[in-house]
Protein backbone atom coordinates (compact mmCIF):
# COMPACT_ATOMS: atom_id res chain seq x y z
CA MET A 1 108.41 88.36 124.11
CA PRO A 2 110.71 90.01 126.73
CA MET A 3 111.69 87.72 129.59
CA ARG A 4 110.01 89.91 132.24
CA ALA A 5 106.77 90.05 130.30
CA PHE A 6 106.86 86.30 129.81
CA SER A 7 107.45 85.81 133.54
CA LEU A 8 104.47 88.02 134.46
CA PHE A 9 102.28 86.27 131.88
CA SER A 10 103.31 82.87 133.23
CA GLY A 11 102.55 83.93 136.80
CA PHE A 12 99.13 85.26 135.77
CA PHE A 13 98.34 82.04 133.92
CA LEU A 14 99.41 80.02 136.97
CA LEU A 15 97.04 81.99 139.22
CA ILE A 16 94.16 81.41 136.81
CA SER A 17 94.99 77.70 136.66
CA LEU A 18 95.14 77.39 140.45
CA GLY A 19 91.81 79.20 140.76
CA SER A 20 90.27 76.85 138.22
CA ILE A 21 91.59 73.81 140.11
CA ARG A 22 90.16 75.11 143.40
CA ALA A 23 86.79 75.69 141.75
CA GLN A 24 86.82 72.17 140.37
CA GLN A 25 87.65 70.80 143.81
CA ALA A 26 84.60 72.41 145.45
CA PRO A 27 81.94 69.73 145.98
CA GLU A 28 78.51 70.03 144.42
CA MET A 29 76.99 70.64 147.83
CA ARG A 30 78.02 70.70 151.47
CA PRO A 31 76.36 72.05 154.62
CA ALA A 32 77.74 74.91 156.68
CA PHE A 33 79.50 73.65 159.80
CA CYS A 34 81.60 74.96 162.67
CA GLU A 35 85.30 75.48 162.04
CA ALA A 36 87.73 73.68 164.28
CA GLY A 37 90.25 75.66 166.29
CA PRO A 38 90.16 78.71 168.56
CA LYS A 39 87.45 80.53 166.57
CA SER A 40 84.97 77.69 166.73
CA LEU A 41 81.92 78.68 168.77
CA VAL A 42 82.42 75.72 171.10
CA ASN A 43 85.89 77.06 171.98
CA LEU A 44 84.82 80.70 172.26
CA ILE A 45 82.14 80.00 174.89
CA ASN A 46 83.82 80.42 178.28
CA THR A 47 82.78 77.43 180.37
CA ASP A 48 84.76 78.62 183.41
CA SER A 49 82.80 81.88 183.33
CA LEU A 50 79.56 79.91 183.13
CA MET A 51 80.53 77.90 186.21
CA LYS A 52 81.27 81.11 188.11
CA ARG A 53 77.82 82.40 187.15
CA GLY A 54 76.30 79.25 188.61
CA GLN A 55 75.24 77.68 185.33
CA THR A 56 74.03 74.14 185.93
CA ASP A 57 73.19 71.53 183.28
CA ALA A 58 71.40 73.31 180.46
CA LEU A 59 70.33 73.09 176.84
CA VAL A 60 69.65 75.93 174.41
CA MET A 61 68.55 75.75 170.78
CA PHE A 62 69.60 78.38 168.27
CA SER A 63 69.43 79.40 164.65
CA CYS A 64 71.72 81.78 162.79
CA GLY A 65 72.81 82.88 159.36
CA VAL A 66 76.21 81.83 158.01
CA SER A 67 77.45 83.95 155.13
CA SER A 68 79.24 82.68 152.04
CA LEU A 69 82.46 83.86 153.74
CA GLY A 70 81.79 81.80 156.86
CA VAL A 71 80.73 84.75 159.04
CA CYS A 72 77.97 84.00 161.56
CA TYR A 73 75.20 86.57 162.04
CA SER A 74 71.65 87.07 163.40
CA MET A 75 71.69 84.35 166.02
CA VAL A 76 68.44 83.72 167.87
CA THR A 77 68.32 81.44 170.91
CA TYR A 78 65.14 79.75 172.10
CA ARG A 79 63.60 76.68 173.74
CA GLY A 80 66.08 76.79 176.58
CA THR A 81 65.77 74.56 179.61
CA PRO A 82 65.04 76.28 182.95
CA ASN A 83 67.88 78.53 184.19
CA SER A 84 69.75 78.42 180.85
CA THR A 85 69.91 82.19 180.36
CA PRO A 86 73.67 82.47 181.16
CA LEU A 87 74.44 79.84 178.50
CA ALA A 88 72.32 81.65 175.90
CA GLU A 89 73.89 85.01 176.73
CA GLU A 90 77.41 83.57 176.55
CA ALA A 91 76.72 82.13 173.08
CA LEU A 92 75.26 85.42 171.84
CA ASN A 93 78.26 87.37 173.18
CA HIS A 94 80.64 85.41 170.96
CA LEU A 95 78.50 85.22 167.85
CA SER A 96 80.37 87.80 165.77
CA ARG A 97 83.73 86.09 166.37
CA ALA A 98 82.63 82.53 165.60
CA ALA A 99 83.99 81.02 162.38
CA PHE A 100 82.11 78.58 160.16
CA ASN A 101 82.87 76.72 156.98
CA PRO A 102 80.26 78.10 154.57
CA ALA A 103 77.63 76.02 152.82
CA ILE A 104 78.23 75.00 149.20
CA TYR A 105 75.51 74.56 146.61
CA ASN A 106 76.10 73.98 142.91
CA HIS A 107 79.87 74.25 143.58
CA LYS A 108 79.59 77.78 145.04
CA THR A 109 79.68 79.02 148.61
CA ARG A 110 76.30 80.34 149.75
CA ASP A 111 74.63 82.08 152.64
CA ALA A 112 72.69 79.54 154.71
CA VAL A 113 70.39 79.23 157.70
CA VAL A 114 71.86 76.93 160.34
CA ALA A 115 69.98 75.38 163.29
CA GLY A 116 71.70 73.89 166.28
CA THR A 117 71.67 72.91 169.94
CA ILE A 118 74.13 73.88 172.68
CA ILE A 119 74.38 71.41 175.56
CA TYR A 120 76.24 72.28 178.77
CA ARG A 121 76.85 69.80 181.56
CA VAL A 122 78.86 69.75 184.77
CA VAL A 123 80.39 66.31 185.39
CA ASN A 124 82.50 65.66 188.51
CA GLY A 125 82.86 69.39 189.02
CA LYS A 126 84.10 70.06 185.47
CA PRO A 127 82.16 71.80 182.67
CA HIS A 128 81.50 70.03 179.36
CA LEU A 129 80.13 71.76 176.27
CA ARG A 130 78.87 70.28 173.01
CA ILE A 131 77.33 71.99 169.99
CA TYR A 132 75.23 69.99 167.54
CA LEU A 133 73.93 71.38 164.24
CA ASN A 134 70.52 69.80 164.62
CA GLN A 135 67.56 69.98 167.00
CA GLU A 136 66.20 66.44 166.70
CA ALA A 137 65.69 64.73 170.04
CA GLU A 138 66.72 61.27 168.86
CA HIS A 139 69.96 62.47 167.21
CA LEU A 140 70.82 64.59 170.26
CA LYS A 141 70.19 61.64 172.57
CA GLN A 142 72.52 59.44 170.52
CA GLY A 143 75.12 62.18 170.01
CA ASP A 144 75.02 61.52 166.27
CA ASP A 145 77.14 63.41 163.77
CA PHE A 146 73.99 64.70 162.10
CA ILE A 147 73.66 68.11 160.43
CA ALA A 148 70.06 69.15 159.83
CA PRO A 149 68.92 70.33 156.38
CA GLN A 150 69.82 73.97 155.72
CA VAL A 151 68.17 76.66 153.63
CA VAL A 152 70.68 78.15 151.17
CA PHE A 153 70.14 81.42 149.33
CA VAL A 154 70.31 81.02 145.56
CA ASP A 155 69.28 83.82 143.20
CA ASP A 156 67.39 81.59 140.77
CA GLY A 157 64.34 83.79 140.22
CA LYS A 158 62.11 81.55 142.39
CA TYR A 159 63.40 82.58 145.78
CA LYS A 160 61.10 84.59 148.02
CA PRO A 161 62.40 85.51 151.47
CA PHE A 162 60.57 84.38 154.57
CA GLU A 163 58.59 87.18 156.15
CA PHE A 164 55.91 87.52 158.77
CA PRO A 165 52.78 89.61 158.03
CA ASN A 166 53.64 93.23 158.86
CA GLN A 167 57.10 91.82 159.69
CA GLY A 168 55.67 90.50 162.96
CA ILE A 169 55.91 93.99 164.48
CA GLY A 170 55.27 93.92 168.21
CA TYR A 171 55.18 90.14 168.48
CA SER A 172 57.51 87.43 169.69
CA THR A 173 56.73 85.00 166.90
CA THR A 174 57.58 81.33 166.52
CA VAL A 175 56.61 79.10 163.61
CA VAL A 176 57.53 75.41 163.66
CA LEU A 177 57.25 73.16 160.62
CA LYS A 178 57.94 69.47 160.09
CA LEU A 179 59.75 69.00 156.78
CA ASN A 180 60.56 65.87 154.80
CA LEU A 181 63.47 66.06 152.36
CA ASN A 182 65.19 63.47 150.22
CA ALA A 183 68.95 62.96 149.97
CA THR A 184 69.26 65.62 147.25
CA GLY A 185 67.54 68.29 149.35
CA LYS A 186 64.22 68.15 147.51
CA LEU A 187 61.28 69.01 149.73
CA THR A 188 58.84 66.09 149.67
CA GLY A 189 56.45 67.18 152.42
CA SER A 190 55.75 69.98 154.88
CA LYS A 191 53.34 70.46 157.78
CA LEU A 192 52.69 73.33 160.16
CA ILE A 193 52.85 71.93 163.71
CA PHE A 194 53.03 75.04 165.91
CA GLU A 195 52.72 78.80 165.76
CA THR A 196 52.57 81.55 168.32
CA PRO A 197 50.78 83.85 168.63
CA PRO A 198 47.93 81.94 166.96
CA GLY A 199 45.42 83.50 164.61
CA LYS A 200 47.78 86.10 163.11
CA GLY A 201 48.53 84.22 159.88
CA PHE A 202 52.23 83.79 160.59
CA GLY A 203 52.28 80.03 160.01
CA ALA A 204 50.25 80.26 156.80
CA LYS A 205 52.61 82.90 155.41
CA ILE A 206 55.66 80.72 156.05
CA MET A 207 53.93 77.69 154.53
CA GLU A 208 53.24 79.74 151.37
CA ARG A 209 56.95 80.25 150.83
CA ILE A 210 58.53 77.04 152.07
CA GLY A 211 58.33 75.55 148.58
CA ASN A 212 60.35 78.46 147.16
CA GLN A 213 63.36 77.71 149.34
CA THR A 214 66.46 75.81 148.25
CA PHE A 215 67.57 73.19 150.76
CA LEU A 216 70.68 71.21 151.38
CA PRO A 217 69.77 67.72 152.65
CA GLY A 218 70.55 66.42 156.09
CA TYR A 219 74.02 64.92 156.52
CA LEU A 220 74.69 61.88 158.70
CA HIS A 221 78.35 61.03 159.30
CA GLY A 222 79.28 63.22 156.33
CA LYS A 223 76.84 61.64 153.86
CA PRO A 224 73.63 63.21 152.51
CA VAL A 225 70.52 61.37 153.71
CA ALA A 226 66.75 61.62 153.47
CA SER A 227 65.40 63.04 156.70
CA SER A 228 62.43 64.40 158.56
CA THR A 229 63.40 67.57 160.38
CA THR A 230 61.96 70.29 162.60
CA PHE A 231 62.28 73.72 160.99
CA GLN A 232 61.78 76.73 163.26
CA LEU A 233 61.56 80.43 162.51
CA VAL A 234 61.72 82.81 165.44
CA SER A 235 61.20 86.58 165.30
CA GLN A 236 61.60 89.00 168.21
CA PRO A 237 60.25 92.56 168.39
CA TYR A 238 62.80 95.11 167.22
CA GLY A 239 65.17 96.20 169.96
CA ARG A 240 64.63 93.19 172.20
CA ASP A 241 67.33 90.75 173.14
CA HIS A 242 67.25 87.71 170.87
CA TRP A 243 66.64 85.34 173.75
CA LYS A 244 63.61 83.24 174.40
CA SER A 245 63.13 80.17 176.56
CA ASP A 246 60.47 77.79 177.76
CA GLN A 247 61.00 78.84 181.37
């Protein structure tokens, strides 16, 4: 074999080997989480701008998709404390630039649904911002390193996407479930606890399909754990700003 051909073949083999090693290094499963550094959502949100806009202590919950490439999309904010609109708007403005580490399931990166809470406080005249990837009151109170269970999209023939009857056209729709999952992500229980508007069948439709979803378990301090979690789906009428609060 000519030396140049051997060199090219060796380089090609090395690339294949490195790719195989990287694939083997991917864990069986891992939740999506915010990247560190300048492209992390917590660093993109401009706290000085929020102070200039008069933002006081505030909390906003959100959900978003995170693609298998770590790109964040379709963020919806909701259940904000009074006067938290500037915080919600600031988060939405930086959505497309925020970088995430994608979820992994069965050793492959996957699209996932991520739920979180943004907390903004002013302490001694200085702004402080924290982002948690859960919406559980007890974990937020303790400041735990807890990542709530995440839906991951796996084309296994069982998956049926969530949808509202008639796509929820004309309605601001919220469905809240309480889910129990074990440490492998298996759904062990589900209960509808809230829906609005009532009487439209939105909650029942989501309950029909919750068992067809693939979940990653909750993670506490980097370890998968059994957990009971609040799972919320929010839909806004087409063309409206994806912002909703309890004000």
